[in-house]
Amino acid sequence: MASVCFYFQMHQPLRLRRYSVFDTDTGYFDDYRNAQVLDKVVTRSYQPTLTLLDKLVKKLDGRFRFSLSITGVLADQLLSAAPQIIERIRELVDTGCVELLNETYFHSLAFLYSRAEFREQIELHAEQMEQLFGQRPQVFRNTELIYNNDLAYYIESLDCFRGILAEGADRVLGSRDPCCIYTPPHTERLKLLLKHYRLSDDIAFRFSNRNWSEWPLTAEKYAGWLSQLNGESQVCNLFLDLETFGEHQWAETGIFDFLESLPGRVLQISGGEMLTCSQALERYDPVDEFDAPHMISWADSERDLSAWLGNAMQSNAMHELYKLEAPIRETGDEELLADWRKLTTSDHVYYMCTKYFADGDVHKYFNPYESPYDSYINFMNVLDNLRSRVAGAG
């Protein structure tokens, strides 16, 4: 049986308040709305899920292992409003069964626009994880699993990561197995862990769908699927948002019962084991190259960048945002830089997405705007004010 590698993502953005073209207040963010959403997610998802994961680690004598990534922008919110979640994560890390991953501090698209900012956000996040939890990450995952060969080259050049996560996109894999370790072309040390998107999405998106042919999904059935993977499979990577448990899939669906039963079911199977990302990379050698010249991601059915850069509004917003980076840095004003960095969070352009067909419901979840156009206008109003502050500081 292939090893199983769970990775859970934790992220919540700082949403903007309604900002008119006549507004001059530099408080851009909706503190009430952000606190409201965070409280709901903590209560319905983070608290019960992390408590259950801690229970499973102890119950299974450390044989249940997984990886976790928490954005810097979320960690800051939790430190202020829900420090018990930070403490729970710290307790999990202290068990030795949980690995923290590195990513951009602000869940940004910086790699596409500014390598200098990208590297700074990586370092800021690594320092935060080490300060909060005593563990410096060794595996990298880019925002929304955005990945291509160029990203791999750059990450290897930093000389501080052993591996990177990516989507097991069919157009790159072809008929090959996503449950194997791969290597980017023309790299020497970096290894790739690819998400098994079908099995991951069975939990994340299809679990409560009563029209799905496999509903209801039980832990026994799912573990059976894992045990039947190709005999040459090495590790099945199940990458999910932590909000899957209790928020995207409500408690009433039975999602917590499923999670509580699944690790034990996996470990009962002959050869069944659960590994962190680093353990999987240490255990297995690459079987082939994963050549991804074009950007891929884990978003939507296309698995490309169209969720964030698929229309003119999104492209313009990002272009104008990153035009301000150099002028802001020249001012030396840390407050301006902090506000600008919060605007680099990818959710702001995600809300501008106009794709309303099969993926529409996903784009509307947690979206504070009535339309993508409202989102664009609001963001640009904020950006105009920030631009005027930069001009004044210069």
Protein backbone atom coordinates (compact mmCIF):
# COMPACT_ATOMS: atom_id res chain seq x y z
CA MET A 1 0.00 0.00 0.00
CA ALA A 2 1.20 3.56 -0.73
CA SER A 3 2.03 5.77 2.22
CA VAL A 4 -0.48 8.55 2.95
CA CYS A 5 0.55 12.19 3.35
CA PHE A 6 -2.04 14.65 4.64
CA TYR A 7 -1.36 18.37 4.33
CA PHE A 8 -3.82 20.95 5.68
CA GLN A 9 -3.88 24.63 4.68
CA MET A 10 -5.03 27.39 7.06
CA HIS A 11 -5.74 30.85 5.66
CA GLN A 12 -8.13 33.74 6.12
CA PRO A 13 -7.52 37.14 4.48
CA LEU A 14 -8.04 40.63 5.87
CA ARG A 15 -11.10 41.79 3.93
CA LEU A 16 -11.38 45.42 2.88
CA ARG A 17 -14.15 47.65 4.16
CA ARG A 18 -16.41 49.49 1.72
CA TYR A 19 -14.20 52.29 0.46
CA SER A 20 -15.52 55.10 -1.73
CA VAL A 21 -13.57 57.31 -4.08
CA PHE A 22 -14.11 60.18 -1.60
CA ASP A 23 -12.83 58.23 1.41
CA THR A 24 -9.61 59.45 3.04
CA ASP A 25 -9.46 57.19 6.10
CA THR A 26 -6.33 54.99 6.01
CA GLY A 27 -8.09 52.21 7.91
CA TYR A 28 -8.68 50.05 4.84
CA PHE A 29 -9.79 46.83 6.47
CA ASP A 30 -13.17 45.75 7.79
CA ASP A 31 -12.25 44.89 11.38
CA TYR A 32 -15.80 43.91 12.33
CA ARG A 33 -16.32 41.62 9.34
CA ASN A 34 -12.90 40.04 9.71
CA ALA A 35 -13.46 39.33 13.40
CA GLN A 36 -16.89 37.90 12.62
CA VAL A 37 -15.59 35.52 9.97
CA LEU A 38 -12.61 34.46 12.06
CA ASP A 39 -14.80 33.72 15.07
CA LYS A 40 -17.08 31.57 12.92
CA VAL A 41 -14.20 29.63 11.36
CA VAL A 42 -12.47 29.14 14.71
CA THR A 43 -15.67 27.87 16.33
CA ARG A 44 -16.89 25.66 13.50
CA SER A 45 -13.61 24.42 12.07
CA TYR A 46 -10.25 25.26 13.63
CA GLN A 47 -11.04 24.48 17.25
CA PRO A 48 -12.84 21.15 16.75
CA THR A 49 -10.56 19.98 13.93
CA LEU A 50 -7.28 20.72 15.67
CA THR A 51 -8.61 19.18 18.90
CA LEU A 52 -9.55 16.04 16.98
CA LEU A 53 -6.18 15.90 15.24
CA ASP A 54 -4.43 16.16 18.60
CA LYS A 55 -6.62 13.36 19.94
CA LEU A 56 -5.76 11.15 16.95
CA VAL A 57 -2.00 11.75 17.26
CA LYS A 58 -2.12 10.63 20.88
CA LYS A 59 -4.59 7.78 20.37
CA LEU A 60 -2.54 6.29 17.53
CA ASP A 61 0.75 6.55 19.44
CA GLY A 62 2.37 8.98 17.05
CA ARG A 63 1.73 6.89 13.92
CA PHE A 64 -0.67 9.53 12.61
CA ARG A 65 1.49 12.25 11.10
CA PHE A 66 0.61 15.18 8.87
CA SER A 67 1.80 18.56 7.60
CA LEU A 68 0.24 21.94 8.23
CA SER A 69 0.63 25.37 6.64
CA ILE A 70 -0.72 28.54 8.22
CA THR A 71 -0.38 31.89 6.47
CA GLY A 72 1.24 34.77 8.29
CA VAL A 73 -1.81 36.96 7.78
CA LEU A 74 -3.96 34.36 9.55
CA ALA A 75 -1.44 33.73 12.31
CA ASP A 76 -1.46 37.45 13.09
CA GLN A 77 -5.25 37.42 13.40
CA LEU A 78 -5.20 34.34 15.62
CA LEU A 79 -2.56 35.80 17.91
CA SER A 80 -4.83 38.77 18.50
CA ALA A 81 -8.30 37.22 18.54
CA ALA A 82 -7.93 33.45 19.10
CA PRO A 83 -4.58 32.69 20.78
CA GLN A 84 -5.92 29.31 21.88
CA ILE A 85 -5.60 28.14 18.27
CA ILE A 86 -1.94 29.14 18.18
CA GLU A 87 -1.42 27.23 21.42
CA ARG A 88 -3.19 24.16 20.03
CA ILE A 89 -0.95 24.20 16.95
CA ARG A 90 2.09 24.60 19.21
CA GLU A 91 1.00 21.53 21.18
CA LEU A 92 0.59 19.55 17.97
CA VAL A 93 4.03 20.56 16.70
CA ASP A 94 5.54 19.58 20.05
CA THR A 95 4.32 16.00 19.55
CA GLY A 96 6.90 15.58 16.77
CA CYS A 97 4.16 14.27 14.47
CA VAL A 98 3.31 17.55 12.75
CA GLU A 99 5.44 19.37 10.19
CA LEU A 100 4.97 23.04 9.34
CA LEU A 101 5.37 24.15 5.73
CA ASN A 102 6.66 27.46 4.39
CA GLU A 103 4.78 29.81 2.09
CA THR A 104 4.36 33.51 1.32
CA TYR A 105 3.50 35.40 4.51
CA PHE A 106 0.57 37.26 2.93
CA HIS A 107 -0.74 34.43 0.71
CA SER A 108 0.37 36.53 -2.25
CA LEU A 109 1.08 36.22 -5.96
CA ALA A 110 4.46 37.89 -5.42
CA PHE A 111 6.40 35.27 -7.39
CA LEU A 112 4.65 36.46 -10.56
CA TYR A 113 5.46 40.13 -9.99
CA SER A 114 8.41 40.67 -7.65
CA ARG A 115 11.08 38.13 -6.80
CA ALA A 116 12.46 40.45 -4.11
CA GLU A 117 9.09 40.66 -2.35
CA PHE A 118 8.53 36.95 -2.86
CA ARG A 119 11.77 36.11 -1.10
CA GLU A 120 11.09 38.55 1.74
CA GLN A 121 7.64 37.05 2.35
CA ILE A 122 9.15 33.55 2.41
CA GLU A 123 11.72 34.63 4.98
CA LEU A 124 9.17 36.53 7.07
CA HIS A 125 6.97 33.44 7.18
CA ALA A 126 9.84 31.09 8.08
CA GLU A 127 10.87 33.39 10.92
CA GLN A 128 7.30 33.59 12.18
CA MET A 129 6.89 29.81 12.21
CA GLU A 130 10.17 29.40 14.07
CA GLN A 131 9.27 32.09 16.59
CA LEU A 132 5.73 30.84 17.25
CA PHE A 133 6.25 27.10 17.07
CA GLY A 134 9.98 26.42 17.30
CA GLN A 135 10.17 24.78 13.87
CA ARG A 136 11.74 26.23 10.72
CA PRO A 137 10.02 24.80 7.62
CA GLN A 138 11.98 22.70 5.13
CA VAL A 139 9.27 22.17 2.51
CA PHE A 140 7.71 24.97 0.46
CA ARG A 141 4.22 25.40 -0.93
CA ASN A 142 3.37 28.44 -3.00
CA THR A 143 0.06 30.27 -2.71
CA GLU A 144 -2.76 28.05 -4.03
CA LEU A 145 -0.10 25.54 -5.16
CA ILE A 146 0.83 27.88 -8.02
CA TYR A 147 3.81 26.21 -9.63
CA ASN A 148 5.99 25.91 -12.73
CA ASN A 149 9.58 24.99 -13.57
CA ASP A 150 10.77 28.53 -12.98
CA LEU A 151 9.40 28.48 -9.43
CA ALA A 152 11.23 25.23 -8.77
CA TYR A 153 14.53 26.67 -10.04
CA TYR A 154 14.10 29.71 -7.81
CA ILE A 155 13.18 27.72 -4.69
CA GLU A 156 16.18 25.44 -5.16
CA SER A 157 18.45 28.49 -5.51
CA LEU A 158 17.47 29.57 -1.99
CA ASP A 159 19.22 26.42 -0.72
CA CYS A 160 16.95 25.98 2.29
CA PHE A 161 14.21 23.62 1.07
CA ARG A 162 14.25 19.90 0.39
CA GLY A 163 10.97 19.84 -1.48
CA ILE A 164 7.99 21.67 -2.90
CA LEU A 165 4.30 20.88 -3.30
CA ALA A 166 2.42 21.05 -6.60
CA GLU A 167 -0.86 20.01 -8.16
CA GLY A 168 -0.90 16.63 -9.88
CA ALA A 169 -2.27 18.26 -13.03
CA ASP A 170 -3.25 15.78 -15.73
CA ARG A 171 -1.88 17.92 -18.56
CA VAL A 172 1.61 17.62 -17.03
CA LEU A 173 1.41 14.09 -15.63
CA GLY A 174 -0.30 12.49 -18.58
CA SER A 175 -0.84 8.83 -17.72
CA ARG A 176 1.75 8.83 -14.95
CA ASP A 177 0.96 8.22 -11.28
CA PRO A 178 0.46 11.29 -9.02
CA CYS A 179 1.36 9.05 -6.07
CA CYS A 180 5.07 9.14 -6.84
CA ILE A 181 7.92 11.51 -6.09
CA TYR A 182 9.08 13.59 -9.05
CA THR A 183 11.84 16.09 -9.67
CA PRO A 184 11.75 19.35 -11.65
CA PRO A 185 13.91 19.33 -14.80
CA HIS A 186 17.43 20.73 -14.49
CA THR A 187 17.44 20.77 -10.68
CA GLU A 188 19.83 18.84 -8.46
CA ARG A 189 18.21 18.37 -5.05
CA LEU A 190 14.60 19.51 -5.04
CA LYS A 191 11.83 16.88 -4.96
CA LEU A 192 8.14 17.28 -5.73
CA LEU A 193 5.07 16.03 -3.89
CA LEU A 194 2.00 16.09 -6.14
CA LYS A 195 -1.54 16.42 -4.87
CA HIS A 196 -3.85 13.53 -5.75
CA TYR A 197 -6.66 15.87 -6.66
CA ARG A 198 -9.38 13.31 -7.25
CA LEU A 199 -9.05 11.66 -3.84
CA SER A 200 -8.49 15.04 -2.15
CA ASP A 201 -11.58 16.52 -3.79
CA ASP A 202 -13.67 13.51 -2.79
CA ILE A 203 -13.33 14.83 0.75
CA ALA A 204 -13.11 18.57 0.11
CA PHE A 205 -15.95 18.98 -2.40
CA ARG A 206 -17.96 15.79 -2.89
CA PHE A 207 -18.28 14.48 0.67
CA SER A 208 -21.76 15.89 1.33
CA ASN A 209 -23.09 15.71 -2.23
CA ARG A 210 -26.03 13.32 -2.07
CA ASN A 211 -26.11 13.13 -5.88
CA TRP A 212 -22.57 11.74 -5.96
CA SER A 213 -22.53 8.06 -6.89
CA GLU A 214 -20.21 7.29 -3.95
CA TRP A 215 -22.31 9.06 -1.31
CA PRO A 216 -22.20 8.42 1.60
CA LEU A 217 -18.41 8.32 1.85
CA THR A 218 -17.26 6.28 4.83
CA ALA A 219 -13.76 5.98 6.27
CA GLU A 220 -13.82 2.27 5.52
CA LYS A 221 -14.68 2.85 1.86
CA TYR A 222 -12.09 5.60 1.47
CA ALA A 223 -9.34 3.56 3.12
CA GLY A 224 -10.26 0.77 0.72
CA TRP A 225 -9.65 3.10 -2.22
CA LEU A 226 -6.25 4.03 -0.80
CA SER A 227 -5.33 0.37 -0.39
CA GLN A 228 -6.14 -0.30 -4.06
CA LEU A 229 -3.76 2.30 -5.50
CA ASN A 230 -1.36 1.16 -8.19
CA GLY A 231 1.24 -1.22 -6.77
CA GLU A 232 4.02 1.11 -7.92
CA SER A 233 2.56 4.08 -6.02
CA GLN A 234 4.82 5.54 -3.34
CA VAL A 235 2.81 8.14 -1.42
CA CYS A 236 -0.74 9.43 -1.85
CA ASN A 237 -0.78 13.16 -1.11
CA LEU A 238 -4.10 14.42 0.20
CA PHE A 239 -3.96 18.21 0.28
CA LEU A 240 -6.95 20.03 1.80
CA ASP A 241 -7.99 23.30 3.38
CA LEU A 242 -8.44 22.77 7.11
CA GLU A 243 -11.75 24.62 6.71
CA THR A 244 -12.98 21.53 4.85
CA PHE A 245 -13.79 20.18 8.28
CA GLY A 246 -16.69 22.02 9.85
CA GLU A 247 -16.88 24.97 7.46
CA HIS A 248 -16.96 23.79 3.83
CA GLN A 249 -18.36 20.46 5.02
CA TRP A 250 -20.55 21.09 8.07
CA ALA A 251 -20.45 18.92 11.15
CA GLU A 252 -23.94 17.64 10.29
CA THR A 253 -22.55 15.91 7.19
CA GLY A 254 -20.53 13.52 9.37
CA ILE A 255 -17.19 14.97 8.27
CA PHE A 256 -15.72 14.86 11.78
CA ASP A 257 -16.71 11.23 12.25
CA PHE A 258 -15.05 10.49 8.92
CA LEU A 259 -11.84 12.25 9.97
CA GLU A 260 -11.80 10.53 13.34
CA SER A 261 -12.07 7.07 11.78
CA LEU A 262 -9.89 7.43 8.69
CA PRO A 263 -6.33 7.37 10.14
CA GLY A 264 -7.06 4.25 12.18
CA ARG A 265 -8.53 2.55 9.11
CA VAL A 266 -5.44 3.41 7.06
CA LEU A 267 -3.06 2.16 9.73
CA GLN A 268 -4.96 -1.13 10.04
CA ILE A 269 -4.18 -1.98 6.41
CA SER A 270 -1.06 -4.02 5.85
CA GLY A 271 1.76 -1.60 5.08
CA GLY A 272 -0.41 1.39 5.93
CA GLU A 273 1.48 4.41 7.23
CA MET A 274 0.99 8.15 7.44
CA LEU A 275 3.90 10.51 6.82
CA THR A 276 4.69 14.21 6.89
CA CYS A 277 5.85 15.82 3.66
CA SER A 278 9.51 15.70 4.71
CA GLN A 279 9.25 12.06 5.74
CA ALA A 280 7.76 11.18 2.35
CA LEU A 281 10.58 13.01 0.58
CA GLU A 282 13.17 11.18 2.67
CA ARG A 283 11.54 7.80 2.20
CA TYR A 284 11.20 7.73 -1.58
CA ASP A 285 13.38 8.50 -4.59
CA PRO A 286 12.04 10.38 -7.63
CA VAL A 287 10.72 8.19 -10.45
CA ASP A 288 10.71 10.79 -13.24
CA GLU A 289 10.77 14.48 -14.13
CA PHE A 290 7.68 16.68 -13.76
CA ASP A 291 8.13 19.23 -16.55
CA ALA A 292 5.75 22.16 -16.01
CA PRO A 293 6.76 25.07 -18.27
CA HIS A 294 3.36 26.75 -17.76
CA MET A 295 1.77 27.78 -14.47
CA ILE A 296 -0.52 25.32 -12.73
CA SER A 297 -2.47 25.63 -9.46
CA TRP A 298 -4.97 23.69 -7.38
CA ALA A 299 -7.85 26.07 -8.19
CA ASP A 300 -10.92 25.25 -10.24
CA SER A 301 -11.29 22.69 -13.00
CA GLU A 302 -8.68 24.43 -15.20
CA ARG A 303 -5.95 24.30 -12.52
CA ASP A 304 -4.30 27.43 -13.90
CA LEU A 305 -4.10 31.12 -12.94
CA SER A 306 -7.49 32.14 -14.32
CA ALA A 307 -9.06 32.35 -10.86
CA TRP A 308 -6.80 35.34 -10.10
CA LEU A 309 -5.68 36.70 -13.46
CA GLY A 310 -8.41 35.55 -15.84
CA ASN A 311 -9.86 38.96 -16.69
CA ALA A 312 -8.75 42.53 -17.37
CA MET A 313 -9.84 43.81 -13.95
CA GLN A 314 -7.65 41.32 -12.13
CA SER A 315 -4.63 41.93 -14.35
CA ASN A 316 -4.98 45.70 -14.01
CA ALA A 317 -5.38 45.53 -10.24
CA MET A 318 -2.23 43.46 -9.81
CA HIS A 319 -0.25 45.59 -12.28
CA GLU A 320 -1.16 48.80 -10.46
CA LEU A 321 -0.52 47.25 -7.06
CA TYR A 322 2.99 46.11 -7.84
CA LYS A 323 3.83 49.42 -9.55
CA LEU A 324 3.70 50.89 -6.05
CA GLU A 325 6.28 48.53 -4.55
CA ALA A 326 9.40 50.49 -5.48
CA PRO A 327 8.00 53.94 -4.54
CA ILE A 328 6.82 52.56 -1.19
CA ARG A 329 10.19 51.01 -0.42
CA GLU A 330 11.89 54.30 -1.31
CA THR A 331 9.86 56.14 1.34
CA GLY A 332 11.15 53.83 4.08
CA ASP A 333 7.70 54.08 5.69
CA GLU A 334 6.97 50.75 7.42
CA GLU A 335 3.26 51.53 7.81
CA LEU A 336 2.87 52.08 4.08
CA LEU A 337 4.75 48.86 3.37
CA ALA A 338 2.57 46.93 5.83
CA ASP A 339 -0.65 48.20 4.23
CA TRP A 340 0.66 47.45 0.74
CA ARG A 341 1.64 43.92 1.72
CA LYS A 342 -1.83 43.21 3.08
CA LEU A 343 -3.19 44.23 -0.32
CA THR A 344 -0.98 41.61 -2.00
CA THR A 345 -3.12 38.84 -0.47
CA SER A 346 -4.45 36.91 -3.46
CA ASP A 347 -8.03 36.82 -2.16
CA HIS A 348 -8.51 40.46 -3.18
CA VAL A 349 -8.21 39.57 -6.89
CA TYR A 350 -9.95 36.22 -6.39
CA TYR A 351 -13.07 38.18 -5.47
CA MET A 352 -12.86 39.84 -8.92
CA CYS A 353 -13.17 36.52 -10.73
CA THR A 354 -16.02 36.43 -13.28
CA LYS A 355 -16.06 32.66 -13.72
CA TYR A 356 -19.61 31.69 -12.78
CA PHE A 357 -20.23 28.25 -14.17
CA ALA A 358 -19.08 24.97 -12.62
CA ASP A 359 -16.74 26.78 -10.22
CA GLY A 360 -19.04 29.68 -9.37
CA ASP A 361 -20.06 28.49 -5.90
CA VAL A 362 -16.43 28.18 -4.89
CA HIS A 363 -15.73 31.77 -5.90
CA LYS A 364 -18.72 33.13 -3.97
CA TYR A 365 -17.79 31.38 -0.71
CA PHE A 366 -16.65 33.94 1.90
CA ASN A 367 -16.83 36.64 -0.81
CA PRO A 368 -17.96 39.92 0.83
CA TYR A 369 -18.95 41.54 -2.48
CA GLU A 370 -22.16 41.38 -4.49
CA SER A 371 -20.24 41.22 -7.77
CA PRO A 372 -16.64 40.99 -9.07
CA TYR A 373 -17.02 44.54 -10.36
CA ASP A 374 -17.80 45.87 -6.88
CA SER A 375 -14.66 44.13 -5.66
CA TYR A 376 -12.52 45.72 -8.36
CA ILE A 377 -13.86 49.24 -7.76
CA ASN A 378 -13.41 48.93 -4.01
CA PHE A 379 -9.86 47.63 -4.33
CA MET A 380 -8.88 50.37 -6.77
CA ASN A 381 -10.34 53.06 -4.49
CA VAL A 382 -8.14 51.78 -1.69
CA LEU A 383 -5.16 51.64 -4.03
CA ASP A 384 -5.76 55.24 -5.12
CA ASN A 385 -5.65 56.36 -1.49
CA LEU A 386 -2.48 54.38 -0.86
CA ARG A 387 -0.92 55.93 -3.97
CA SER A 388 -1.71 59.42 -2.68
CA ARG A 389 -0.11 58.58 0.68
CA VAL A 390 3.01 57.40 -1.10
CA ALA A 391 3.18 60.61 -3.12
CA GLY A 392 2.80 62.63 0.07
CA ALA A 393 5.52 60.65 1.82
CA GLY A 394 7.90 61.17 -1.08
